[in-house]
Protein backbone atom coordinates (compact mmCIF):
# COMPACT_ATOMS: atom_id res chain seq x y z
CA MET A 1 -9.06 -43.09 62.08
CA ASN A 2 -10.89 -43.47 65.68
CA ALA A 3 -12.48 -40.57 66.74
CA GLY A 4 -9.78 -38.88 68.46
CA ASN A 5 -7.85 -38.62 65.50
CA ALA A 6 -10.36 -37.57 63.71
CA VAL A 7 -11.31 -34.36 66.11
CA SER A 8 -7.57 -33.60 66.03
CA TRP A 9 -7.54 -33.54 62.21
CA PHE A 10 -10.75 -31.31 62.33
CA ARG A 11 -8.77 -28.64 64.40
CA VAL A 12 -5.89 -28.54 62.00
CA VAL A 13 -8.06 -28.10 58.95
CA CYS A 14 -10.00 -25.27 60.91
CA CYS A 15 -6.80 -23.41 62.20
CA LEU A 16 -5.75 -23.72 58.96
CA PHE A 17 -8.81 -22.10 57.10
CA ALA A 18 -8.88 -19.29 59.83
CA VAL A 19 -4.95 -18.22 59.12
CA LEU A 20 -5.62 -18.41 55.67
CA ALA A 21 -8.69 -15.91 55.99
CA LEU A 22 -6.66 -13.78 58.79
CA SER A 23 -3.93 -13.75 56.13
CA ALA A 24 -6.77 -12.36 53.15
CA CYS A 25 -7.59 -9.80 55.67
CA THR A 26 -3.98 -8.62 56.32
CA THR A 27 -3.48 -7.99 52.71
CA GLY A 28 -5.52 -4.98 51.43
CA LEU A 29 -8.88 -6.15 52.87
CA SER A 30 -9.91 -3.08 54.50
CA ASN A 31 -9.31 -1.42 50.71
CA GLN A 32 -11.26 -3.64 49.49
CA ALA A 33 -13.71 -0.98 47.89
CA ALA A 34 -10.56 0.84 46.02
CA CYS A 35 -9.37 -2.77 44.83
CA LEU A 36 -12.91 -3.46 43.36
CA GLY A 37 -12.37 -0.73 40.33
CA HIS A 38 -12.30 -1.14 36.96
CA GLY A 39 -11.26 0.27 33.81
CA ASP A 40 -7.71 1.36 34.92
CA LYS A 41 -5.42 1.19 32.31
CA GLY A 42 -1.44 0.60 32.19
CA ALA A 43 1.01 1.33 35.30
CA LEU A 44 -1.98 2.63 37.40
CA ALA A 45 -3.74 -0.66 36.91
CA GLU A 46 -0.31 -2.54 37.87
CA LEU A 47 0.13 -0.12 40.31
CA LYS A 48 -3.38 -1.00 42.00
CA THR A 49 -2.97 -4.52 41.76
CA GLN A 50 0.32 -4.29 43.69
CA ALA A 51 -1.39 -2.51 46.29
CA CYS A 52 -4.23 -4.61 46.92
CA GLY A 53 -1.90 -7.70 47.04
CA GLY A 54 0.12 -5.77 50.12
CA SER A 55 2.65 -4.00 48.81
CA LYS A 56 3.33 -1.23 50.89
CA LEU A 57 5.53 1.29 48.23
CA ALA A 58 2.29 0.49 45.59
CA GLN A 59 -0.08 1.40 48.34
CA TYR A 60 2.01 4.51 48.93
CA GLU A 61 2.38 5.22 45.42
CA LEU A 62 -1.24 5.18 44.78
CA ALA A 63 -1.91 6.86 48.15
CA ARG A 64 0.25 10.04 46.53
CA ALA A 65 -1.57 9.52 43.30
CA HIS A 66 -4.67 9.72 45.07
CA GLU A 67 -3.44 12.86 47.14
CA THR A 68 -1.75 14.76 44.40
CA GLY A 69 -4.47 13.88 41.27
CA ASP A 70 -1.29 12.20 39.59
CA GLY A 71 -2.73 9.84 36.58
CA ILE A 72 -5.78 9.80 38.77
CA ALA A 73 -8.63 11.69 39.59
CA ALA A 74 -7.66 13.10 43.36
CA ASP A 75 -9.44 12.02 46.17
CA PRO A 76 -8.18 13.05 49.64
CA ALA A 77 -10.37 10.50 51.47
CA ARG A 78 -9.29 7.81 49.77
CA ALA A 79 -5.68 8.71 49.38
CA VAL A 80 -6.16 8.87 53.40
CA ALA A 81 -7.19 5.01 53.40
CA TRP A 82 -4.03 3.84 51.25
CA TYR A 83 -1.77 5.89 53.11
CA ARG A 84 -3.41 3.78 56.50
CA ALA A 85 -2.81 0.58 54.72
CA ALA A 86 1.02 1.76 53.85
CA ALA A 87 1.43 2.89 57.47
CA GLU A 88 0.31 0.31 59.75
CA THR A 89 2.44 -2.42 60.81
CA VAL A 90 1.73 -5.94 59.97
CA GLY A 91 2.78 -9.34 60.84
CA GLY A 92 3.96 -10.08 64.26
CA THR A 93 1.28 -12.82 66.20
CA THR A 94 -2.57 -13.14 65.51
CA TYR A 95 -4.85 -15.23 67.47
CA VAL A 96 -7.47 -17.83 66.02
CA TYR A 97 -10.32 -18.63 68.32
CA SER A 98 -10.68 -22.62 67.91
CA PRO A 99 -14.41 -23.68 69.40
CA PRO A 100 -14.94 -26.38 71.70
CA VAL A 101 -14.83 -29.96 70.02
CA GLY A 102 -17.11 -32.84 71.29
CA SER A 103 -17.43 -33.04 75.05
CA GLU A 104 -15.15 -29.94 75.53
CA THR A 105 -17.40 -26.89 76.99
CA TYR A 106 -14.55 -24.43 76.38
CA GLY A 107 -12.63 -23.13 73.32
CA ARG A 108 -9.37 -22.21 73.24
CA VAL A 109 -7.21 -19.18 71.61
CA ILE A 110 -4.44 -20.15 69.47
CA PRO A 111 -1.42 -18.05 69.18
CA VAL A 112 -0.28 -18.12 65.38
CA THR A 113 3.00 -16.62 63.89
CA THR A 114 2.37 -14.70 60.78
CA GLY A 115 6.25 -14.08 60.71
CA PRO A 116 8.37 -10.46 62.21
CA ALA A 117 6.17 -7.83 62.61
CA ARG A 118 7.31 -5.18 59.45
CA PRO A 119 6.69 -1.42 60.49
CA GLY A 120 4.66 0.86 58.37
CA LEU A 121 6.09 3.10 55.71
CA ALA A 122 7.64 5.82 57.60
CA ALA A 123 6.89 8.42 54.43
CA ALA A 124 3.29 6.94 54.59
CA GLN A 125 2.93 7.54 58.17
CA TYR A 126 4.38 11.45 58.05
CA ALA A 127 1.73 12.21 54.96
CA LEU A 128 -1.03 10.64 57.06
CA GLY A 129 0.15 13.17 60.26
CA ARG A 130 0.16 15.73 57.91
CA LEU A 131 -3.26 15.09 56.55
CA TYR A 132 -4.84 15.03 60.05
CA LEU A 133 -3.17 18.40 60.33
CA GLU A 134 -4.76 19.83 57.39
CA GLY A 135 -7.97 18.43 57.64
CA ARG A 136 -7.78 16.53 54.30
CA GLY A 137 -9.57 13.58 53.68
CA VAL A 138 -10.04 13.19 57.03
CA LYS A 139 -11.59 15.27 60.19
CA ARG A 140 -8.77 17.71 61.65
CA SER A 141 -7.36 16.44 64.67
CA ASP A 142 -3.96 17.23 66.10
CA ARG A 143 -4.08 14.50 68.39
CA LYS A 144 -3.79 11.96 65.75
CA ALA A 145 -1.58 13.65 63.42
CA ARG A 146 0.66 13.77 66.34
CA LYS A 147 0.27 9.96 67.07
CA TRP A 148 1.33 9.21 62.90
CA LEU A 149 4.32 11.92 62.85
CA GLU A 150 5.63 10.16 66.15
CA ARG A 151 5.52 6.79 64.36
CA ALA A 152 7.56 8.26 61.43
CA ALA A 153 10.16 9.75 64.03
CA ARG A 154 10.59 6.48 65.76
CA GLN A 155 12.06 5.23 61.90
CA ASP A 156 14.02 8.76 62.54
CA TYR A 157 12.20 10.25 59.20
CA GLY A 158 13.80 13.87 58.78
CA PRO A 159 10.25 15.53 57.61
CA ALA A 160 8.46 14.43 60.50
CA LEU A 161 11.06 14.83 63.05
CA ALA A 162 11.10 18.62 61.88
CA LEU A 163 7.14 18.63 61.83
CA LEU A 164 6.93 17.47 65.09
CA GLU A 165 9.56 19.80 66.61
CA ALA A 166 7.83 22.83 64.58
CA ARG A 167 4.46 22.17 65.50
CA PHE A 168 4.30 20.40 69.03
CA SER A 169 7.25 21.52 70.64
CA GLU A 170 5.88 25.11 70.93
CA PRO A 171 4.51 26.62 74.52
CA GLY A 172 0.67 25.96 74.18
CA ALA A 173 0.96 23.42 71.14
CA ALA A 174 -1.96 21.03 71.09
CA ARG A 175 -0.93 17.95 72.73
């Protein structure tokens, strides 16, 4: 194997490692602290395992449980974190930086397709908007509430459409 082939294989291995590391980040790393809890039993433990694995539906159900205190201590801040995980769009294109190798003076940015973009759950986007309007678990913000409600409305989520109409279409409503 010559030096050129070795450098090429090194790049391939580095890129694969970077892609694997990035996929770990997109499957719940933002909720790492929430995933580290121990002592959960039964269905709640299974739900938490699925949520930490990236299941948007499980993230939504766990957020709802934290918001309502259903089978778990009510924690609006943790509910917001899980709703946000369920509401975010995932997939699409990720960009990986490849540092310079050998005599090259510049690195490269390599686009890596991680699959088709999947929109977040409209129900989670609506719940986030509602929590921002109420100021529960987050600082009250009409601007952020509207952003999340509009995302849910783009998916034709009825409750979001109704709340947007009621809250933001009145004269003098917050923008």
